[in-house]
Amino acid sequence: MRIRIEGTNAEVAYTISKLRAILPIGQISPITPVGRRPHTWRVFVRTAPKRARRWTA
């Protein structure tokens, strides 16, 4: 799944840290400025497939 996050630098960092706690993150794109909006940044986050849990008997 691809998730787009837009906001200030602090908002983007906070959201990514919260996502890492919930979902396995596969890739984070470079943070790019949003045109015509001062102090606003955009980043794309790709989630990885679910981690397989090994079942022990």
N, C-alpha and C. Protein backbone atom coordinates (compact mmCIF):
# COMPACT_ATOMS: atom_id res chain seq x y z
N MET A 1 0.85 -1.15 0.00
CA MET A 1 0.00 0.00 0.00
C MET A 1 0.91 1.24 0.00
N ARG A 2 0.50 2.26 -0.69
CA ARG A 2 1.25 3.51 -0.76
C ARG A 2 0.46 4.60 -0.03
N ILE A 3 1.10 5.26 0.92
CA ILE A 3 0.45 6.28 1.74
C ILE A 3 1.16 7.60 1.49
N ARG A 4 0.37 8.66 1.22
CA ARG A 4 0.94 10.01 1.03
C ARG A 4 0.70 10.79 2.31
N ILE A 5 1.76 11.44 2.79
CA ILE A 5 1.68 12.27 3.99
C ILE A 5 2.13 13.67 3.62
N GLU A 6 1.31 14.66 3.97
CA GLU A 6 1.67 16.06 3.76
C GLU A 6 1.52 16.81 5.08
N GLY A 7 2.44 17.72 5.33
CA GLY A 7 2.37 18.53 6.53
C GLY A 7 3.69 19.20 6.81
N THR A 8 3.80 19.80 7.98
CA THR A 8 5.06 20.42 8.37
C THR A 8 6.08 19.32 8.66
N ASN A 9 7.31 19.72 8.85
CA ASN A 9 8.37 18.75 9.11
C ASN A 9 8.07 17.93 10.36
N ALA A 10 7.61 18.57 11.41
CA ALA A 10 7.29 17.86 12.65
C ALA A 10 6.10 16.92 12.48
N GLU A 11 5.09 17.34 11.73
CA GLU A 11 3.91 16.50 11.50
C GLU A 11 4.27 15.25 10.70
N VAL A 12 5.11 15.42 9.70
CA VAL A 12 5.53 14.28 8.87
C VAL A 12 6.33 13.28 9.72
N ALA A 13 7.27 13.78 10.52
CA ALA A 13 8.08 12.91 11.36
C ALA A 13 7.23 12.17 12.39
N TYR A 14 6.28 12.86 13.00
CA TYR A 14 5.40 12.25 14.00
C TYR A 14 4.54 11.16 13.37
N THR A 15 3.97 11.44 12.20
CA THR A 15 3.11 10.47 11.53
C THR A 15 3.89 9.23 11.11
N ILE A 16 5.09 9.41 10.60
CA ILE A 16 5.91 8.26 10.20
C ILE A 16 6.26 7.41 11.41
N SER A 17 6.58 8.03 12.54
CA SER A 17 6.90 7.25 13.73
C SER A 17 5.69 6.46 14.22
N LYS A 18 4.50 7.04 14.12
CA LYS A 18 3.29 6.32 14.52
C LYS A 18 2.98 5.17 13.57
N LEU A 19 3.20 5.38 12.26
CA LEU A 19 2.98 4.32 11.28
C LEU A 19 3.95 3.16 11.49
N ARG A 20 5.20 3.47 11.84
CA ARG A 20 6.19 2.42 12.07
C ARG A 20 5.79 1.53 13.24
N ALA A 21 5.08 2.09 14.21
CA ALA A 21 4.65 1.30 15.36
C ALA A 21 3.52 0.34 14.99
N ILE A 22 2.75 0.67 13.96
CA ILE A 22 1.57 -0.12 13.60
C ILE A 22 1.86 -1.04 12.41
N LEU A 23 2.49 -0.51 11.37
CA LEU A 23 2.68 -1.24 10.11
C LEU A 23 4.16 -1.46 9.83
N PRO A 24 4.49 -2.56 9.15
CA PRO A 24 5.88 -2.72 8.70
C PRO A 24 6.12 -1.80 7.49
N ILE A 25 7.11 -0.94 7.59
CA ILE A 25 7.41 0.03 6.53
C ILE A 25 8.48 -0.55 5.61
N GLY A 26 8.20 -0.53 4.30
CA GLY A 26 9.15 -1.04 3.33
C GLY A 26 10.04 0.03 2.77
N GLN A 27 9.48 1.20 2.43
CA GLN A 27 10.26 2.25 1.79
C GLN A 27 9.65 3.60 2.12
N ILE A 28 10.52 4.60 2.30
CA ILE A 28 10.10 5.99 2.51
C ILE A 28 10.78 6.82 1.44
N SER A 29 9.98 7.58 0.67
CA SER A 29 10.54 8.40 -0.40
C SER A 29 11.24 9.62 0.19
N PRO A 30 12.07 10.29 -0.60
CA PRO A 30 12.67 11.54 -0.12
C PRO A 30 11.58 12.58 0.17
N ILE A 31 11.82 13.39 1.18
CA ILE A 31 10.85 14.42 1.55
C ILE A 31 11.02 15.58 0.59
N THR A 32 9.91 15.96 -0.08
CA THR A 32 9.95 17.03 -1.07
C THR A 32 9.00 18.15 -0.66
N PRO A 33 9.34 19.39 -0.96
CA PRO A 33 8.44 20.50 -0.63
C PRO A 33 7.21 20.50 -1.54
N VAL A 34 6.09 20.93 -0.99
CA VAL A 34 4.86 21.06 -1.76
C VAL A 34 4.86 22.45 -2.38
N GLY A 35 4.65 22.53 -3.69
CA GLY A 35 4.69 23.82 -4.38
C GLY A 35 3.64 24.80 -3.89
N ARG A 36 4.03 26.04 -3.78
CA ARG A 36 3.16 27.16 -3.39
C ARG A 36 2.62 27.09 -1.96
N ARG A 37 3.13 26.19 -1.16
CA ARG A 37 2.69 26.11 0.24
C ARG A 37 3.94 26.16 1.11
N PRO A 38 4.17 27.25 1.82
CA PRO A 38 5.39 27.37 2.62
C PRO A 38 5.38 26.41 3.81
N HIS A 39 6.53 25.87 4.14
CA HIS A 39 6.72 24.98 5.29
C HIS A 39 5.87 23.72 5.22
N THR A 40 5.53 23.28 4.03
CA THR A 40 4.74 22.06 3.87
C THR A 40 5.54 21.08 3.03
N TRP A 41 5.58 19.84 3.50
CA TRP A 41 6.38 18.81 2.87
C TRP A 41 5.50 17.62 2.52
N ARG A 42 5.95 16.83 1.54
CA ARG A 42 5.22 15.64 1.10
C ARG A 42 6.17 14.45 1.09
N VAL A 43 5.68 13.33 1.56
CA VAL A 43 6.46 12.09 1.55
C VAL A 43 5.52 10.93 1.26
N PHE A 44 6.03 9.93 0.55
CA PHE A 44 5.27 8.72 0.26
C PHE A 44 5.88 7.57 1.05
N VAL A 45 5.02 6.79 1.67
CA VAL A 45 5.46 5.64 2.46
C VAL A 45 4.85 4.39 1.87
N ARG A 46 5.67 3.40 1.59
CA ARG A 46 5.17 2.10 1.11
C ARG A 46 5.26 1.11 2.26
N THR A 47 4.15 0.44 2.52
CA THR A 47 4.15 -0.56 3.56
C THR A 47 4.60 -1.89 2.98
N ALA A 48 5.27 -2.67 3.78
CA ALA A 48 5.75 -3.98 3.38
C ALA A 48 4.67 -5.02 3.62
N PRO A 49 4.81 -6.18 3.02
CA PRO A 49 3.86 -7.26 3.33
C PRO A 49 3.93 -7.61 4.80
N LYS A 50 2.86 -8.20 5.31
CA LYS A 50 2.85 -8.59 6.70
C LYS A 50 3.97 -9.59 6.99
N ARG A 51 4.56 -9.45 8.14
CA ARG A 51 5.59 -10.37 8.54
C ARG A 51 4.96 -11.71 8.89
N ALA A 52 5.55 -12.76 8.38
CA ALA A 52 5.01 -14.10 8.66
C ALA A 52 5.46 -14.54 10.04
N ARG A 53 4.50 -14.94 10.83
CA ARG A 53 4.84 -15.47 12.15
C ARG A 53 4.97 -16.97 12.05
N ARG A 54 6.02 -17.47 12.61
CA ARG A 54 6.22 -18.92 12.60
C ARG A 54 5.46 -19.53 13.76
N TRP A 55 4.75 -20.58 13.44
CA TRP A 55 3.96 -21.24 14.45
C TRP A 55 4.77 -22.38 15.00
N THR A 56 5.01 -22.37 16.29
CA THR A 56 5.81 -23.44 16.90
C THR A 56 4.87 -24.39 17.63
N ALA A 57 5.15 -25.65 17.49
CA ALA A 57 4.30 -26.67 18.12
C ALA A 57 4.90 -27.18 19.39
